[in-house]
Amino acid sequence: MPIRNQAALDFLLTRRSRPAKTLVAPAPGREQLTPILTAAARTPDHGKLEPWRFVVIEAGAMARLADLAEACGNAQGKTPEEITKGRSQFDMGILAVAVISTQVQSEKVPAIEQSYSAGAVCLALLNAALASGWGANWLSGWVSHDREFCERGLGLAGNEHIAGFIHIATEGTRPPERPRPDMDAKTQWVTK
């Protein structure tokens, strides 16, 4: 029989993201964030390509990114509501890690599998932050797909995309449990 890690399983069965708007100071410093990033980097990665990287956005950069999100939204003709939503994660942000999907040329590993790896890094980063006692939330939104924002705001190259912004800080209020998927409705068993 396999050896069960009950503590890890209990954590995964009860994990709950914390809404970004409920996160408050302080946020982890570099020394506290490094093991969280290291844990996230242990994500499955076909071909050992490491098709992702991290951009740590500290509090001092949040206002600049909020203003850039607003400028990009105005240039695209976004509605005032869309612009407010696009800039809000930076207006309220204390610390975020942008997980950057970096497509690597490979004959063996398709681009979509590389994107899956970057998405897995986002979840691993979120879970590592939560397991470390921080509040954390994975956000994206239209700004994460806006090329001008990506290039001017974070210096992304043409083969790079934002897989997600993982906001990490202190949990201000604990959110209530939310409904979870009906596993019978979501699971198909193939026996032949």
Protein backbone atom coordinates (compact mmCIF):
# COMPACT_ATOMS: atom_id res chain seq x y z
CA MET A 1 0.00 0.00 0.00
CA PRO A 2 1.23 3.55 -0.71
CA ILE A 3 2.23 5.73 2.21
CA ARG A 4 -0.45 8.36 2.68
CA ASN A 5 0.45 11.98 3.46
CA GLN A 6 -2.76 12.80 5.31
CA ALA A 7 -1.74 16.37 6.18
CA ALA A 8 -1.13 17.20 2.51
CA LEU A 9 -4.38 15.52 1.46
CA ASP A 10 -6.35 17.34 4.17
CA PHE A 11 -4.87 20.64 2.98
CA LEU A 12 -5.84 19.96 -0.65
CA LEU A 13 -9.35 18.84 0.31
CA THR A 14 -9.97 22.02 2.31
CA ARG A 15 -7.88 24.63 0.44
CA ARG A 16 -9.69 27.85 -0.38
CA SER A 17 -8.41 30.86 -2.27
CA ARG A 18 -8.76 34.15 -0.45
CA PRO A 19 -10.43 36.93 -2.46
CA ALA A 20 -7.76 39.45 -3.46
CA LYS A 21 -9.87 42.31 -2.11
CA THR A 22 -9.63 40.80 1.39
CA LEU A 23 -5.82 40.65 1.44
CA VAL A 24 -4.06 43.16 3.69
CA ALA A 25 -0.48 44.07 4.62
CA PRO A 26 1.96 42.67 5.31
CA ALA A 27 2.94 40.61 2.30
CA PRO A 28 5.79 38.12 2.29
CA GLY A 29 9.28 39.52 1.88
CA ARG A 30 11.86 38.02 -0.45
CA GLU A 31 13.09 35.56 2.17
CA GLN A 32 9.54 34.32 2.80
CA LEU A 33 8.59 34.31 -0.88
CA THR A 34 11.60 32.34 -2.13
CA PRO A 35 10.50 28.93 -0.75
CA ILE A 36 7.00 29.54 -2.14
CA LEU A 37 8.46 30.22 -5.61
CA THR A 38 10.75 27.21 -5.25
CA ALA A 39 7.78 24.96 -4.45
CA ALA A 40 5.88 26.29 -7.47
CA ALA A 41 8.86 25.60 -9.73
CA ARG A 42 8.58 21.88 -8.91
CA THR A 43 5.59 21.70 -11.24
CA PRO A 44 5.45 18.92 -13.87
CA ASP A 45 7.22 20.12 -16.98
CA HIS A 46 7.33 17.97 -20.12
CA GLY A 47 10.80 17.87 -21.57
CA LYS A 48 12.38 19.95 -18.76
CA LEU A 49 11.78 23.09 -20.82
CA GLU A 50 10.75 25.30 -17.88
CA PRO A 51 8.34 27.21 -20.15
CA TRP A 52 7.53 29.83 -17.51
CA ARG A 53 9.14 32.42 -15.29
CA PHE A 54 8.15 34.69 -12.42
CA VAL A 55 7.82 38.48 -12.23
CA VAL A 56 7.37 39.61 -8.63
CA ILE A 57 5.32 42.81 -8.47
CA GLU A 58 5.94 44.67 -5.24
CA ALA A 59 3.80 47.41 -3.72
CA GLY A 60 5.85 50.22 -5.30
CA ALA A 61 4.97 49.02 -8.82
CA MET A 62 1.22 48.62 -8.26
CA ALA A 63 0.22 52.27 -8.93
CA ARG A 64 2.20 52.34 -12.19
CA LEU A 65 0.51 49.12 -13.37
CA ALA A 66 -2.94 50.40 -12.34
CA ASP A 67 -2.39 53.56 -14.39
CA LEU A 68 -1.11 51.53 -17.34
CA ALA A 69 -4.15 49.25 -17.17
CA GLU A 70 -6.39 52.33 -17.31
CA ALA A 71 -4.47 53.80 -20.26
CA CYS A 72 -4.60 50.51 -22.17
CA GLY A 73 -8.31 50.14 -21.44
CA ASN A 74 -9.03 53.65 -22.68
CA ALA A 75 -6.99 53.03 -25.85
CA GLN A 76 -9.03 49.89 -26.53
CA GLY A 77 -12.36 51.59 -25.87
CA LYS A 78 -13.14 49.49 -22.81
CA THR A 79 -16.15 50.52 -20.73
CA PRO A 80 -15.56 52.40 -17.47
CA GLU A 81 -16.56 49.22 -15.59
CA GLU A 82 -14.03 47.13 -17.51
CA ILE A 83 -11.31 49.72 -16.90
CA THR A 84 -12.09 49.84 -13.18
CA LYS A 85 -11.96 46.07 -12.98
CA GLY A 86 -8.72 45.94 -14.98
CA ARG A 87 -6.92 48.37 -12.73
CA SER A 88 -8.49 47.29 -9.43
CA GLN A 89 -6.21 44.32 -8.79
CA PHE A 90 -3.26 46.72 -8.89
CA ASP A 91 -5.04 49.48 -6.96
CA MET A 92 -5.64 47.06 -4.09
CA GLY A 93 -2.55 44.90 -4.62
CA ILE A 94 0.22 44.59 -2.06
CA LEU A 95 2.31 41.89 -3.71
CA ALA A 96 1.63 39.74 -6.75
CA VAL A 97 3.62 37.21 -8.72
CA ALA A 98 2.96 37.25 -12.45
CA VAL A 99 3.49 33.77 -13.82
CA ILE A 100 4.77 34.23 -17.35
CA SER A 101 4.18 31.46 -19.86
CA THR A 102 7.27 31.39 -22.08
CA GLN A 103 6.87 29.31 -25.22
CA VAL A 104 10.04 27.37 -25.99
CA GLN A 105 10.75 25.96 -29.47
CA SER A 106 10.42 22.20 -29.21
CA GLU A 107 9.73 19.43 -31.70
CA LYS A 108 8.57 17.12 -28.90
CA VAL A 109 6.52 19.36 -26.60
CA PRO A 110 3.59 21.23 -28.19
CA ALA A 111 2.93 24.83 -27.18
CA ILE A 112 -0.34 23.89 -25.49
CA GLU A 113 1.45 21.49 -23.13
CA GLN A 114 3.86 24.27 -22.25
CA SER A 115 0.86 26.49 -21.44
CA TYR A 116 -0.58 23.74 -19.25
CA SER A 117 2.71 23.67 -17.32
CA ALA A 118 2.49 27.44 -16.72
CA GLY A 119 -1.09 27.02 -15.47
CA ALA A 120 0.08 24.25 -13.14
CA VAL A 121 2.75 26.64 -11.82
CA CYS A 122 -0.01 29.14 -11.00
CA LEU A 123 -1.91 26.57 -8.94
CA ALA A 124 1.26 25.30 -7.27
CA LEU A 125 2.22 28.88 -6.37
CA LEU A 126 -1.25 29.58 -5.01
CA ASN A 127 -1.23 26.40 -2.92
CA ALA A 128 2.33 26.98 -1.66
CA ALA A 129 1.36 30.48 -0.52
CA LEU A 130 -1.75 29.17 1.25
CA ALA A 131 0.19 26.30 2.83
CA SER A 132 2.72 28.87 4.09
CA GLY A 133 -0.06 30.66 5.96
CA TRP A 134 -0.59 33.58 3.57
CA GLY A 135 -3.81 34.57 1.87
CA ALA A 136 -3.59 34.16 -1.90
CA ASN A 137 -5.69 34.54 -5.02
CA TRP A 138 -5.15 33.81 -8.74
CA LEU A 139 -6.39 36.63 -10.98
CA SER A 140 -6.12 37.35 -14.69
CA GLY A 141 -8.61 39.54 -16.55
CA TRP A 142 -8.32 41.43 -19.81
CA VAL A 143 -5.08 43.17 -18.77
CA SER A 144 -3.29 39.82 -18.71
CA HIS A 145 -4.07 39.40 -22.43
CA ASP A 146 -3.37 42.98 -23.49
CA ARG A 147 -0.06 43.04 -25.42
CA GLU A 148 0.68 46.69 -24.68
CA PHE A 149 0.17 46.11 -20.95
CA CYS A 150 2.28 42.95 -21.03
CA GLU A 151 5.15 44.53 -22.94
CA ARG A 152 5.20 48.00 -21.34
CA GLY A 153 4.19 46.92 -17.86
CA LEU A 154 6.21 43.75 -17.41
CA GLY A 155 8.66 43.70 -20.31
CA LEU A 156 7.30 40.52 -21.88
CA ALA A 157 8.80 39.25 -25.14
CA GLY A 158 6.70 38.19 -28.12
CA ASN A 159 6.73 34.52 -27.09
CA GLU A 160 5.53 35.30 -23.56
CA HIS A 161 2.05 35.59 -22.05
CA ILE A 162 0.67 36.10 -18.55
CA ALA A 163 -0.74 32.85 -17.19
CA GLY A 164 -1.95 34.59 -14.05
CA PHE A 165 -1.32 37.07 -11.28
CA ILE A 166 -1.04 35.35 -7.91
CA HIS A 167 -1.75 37.96 -5.23
CA ILE A 168 -0.20 37.09 -1.87
CA ALA A 169 -0.55 38.93 1.44
CA THR A 170 -2.11 38.50 4.87
CA GLU A 171 -5.61 37.11 5.06
CA GLY A 172 -7.87 39.96 6.22
CA THR A 173 -11.08 37.97 6.61
CA ARG A 174 -11.70 34.28 6.14
CA PRO A 175 -14.17 33.67 3.29
CA PRO A 176 -17.08 31.31 3.79
CA GLU A 177 -16.98 27.93 2.11
CA ARG A 178 -18.53 27.92 -1.33
CA PRO A 179 -20.40 25.21 -3.21
CA ARG A 180 -18.09 22.60 -4.73
CA PRO A 181 -18.55 20.46 -7.85
CA ASP A 182 -20.78 17.40 -7.76
CA MET A 183 -18.16 14.71 -8.26
CA ASP A 184 -20.68 12.20 -9.64
CA ALA A 185 -21.70 14.70 -12.32
CA LYS A 186 -18.07 15.58 -13.12
CA THR A 187 -16.58 12.09 -13.19
CA GLN A 188 -16.78 9.47 -15.92
CA TRP A 189 -15.38 6.01 -15.24
CA VAL A 190 -14.12 4.06 -18.29
CA THR A 191 -13.99 0.35 -17.57
CA LYS A 192 -13.64 -1.21 -21.05
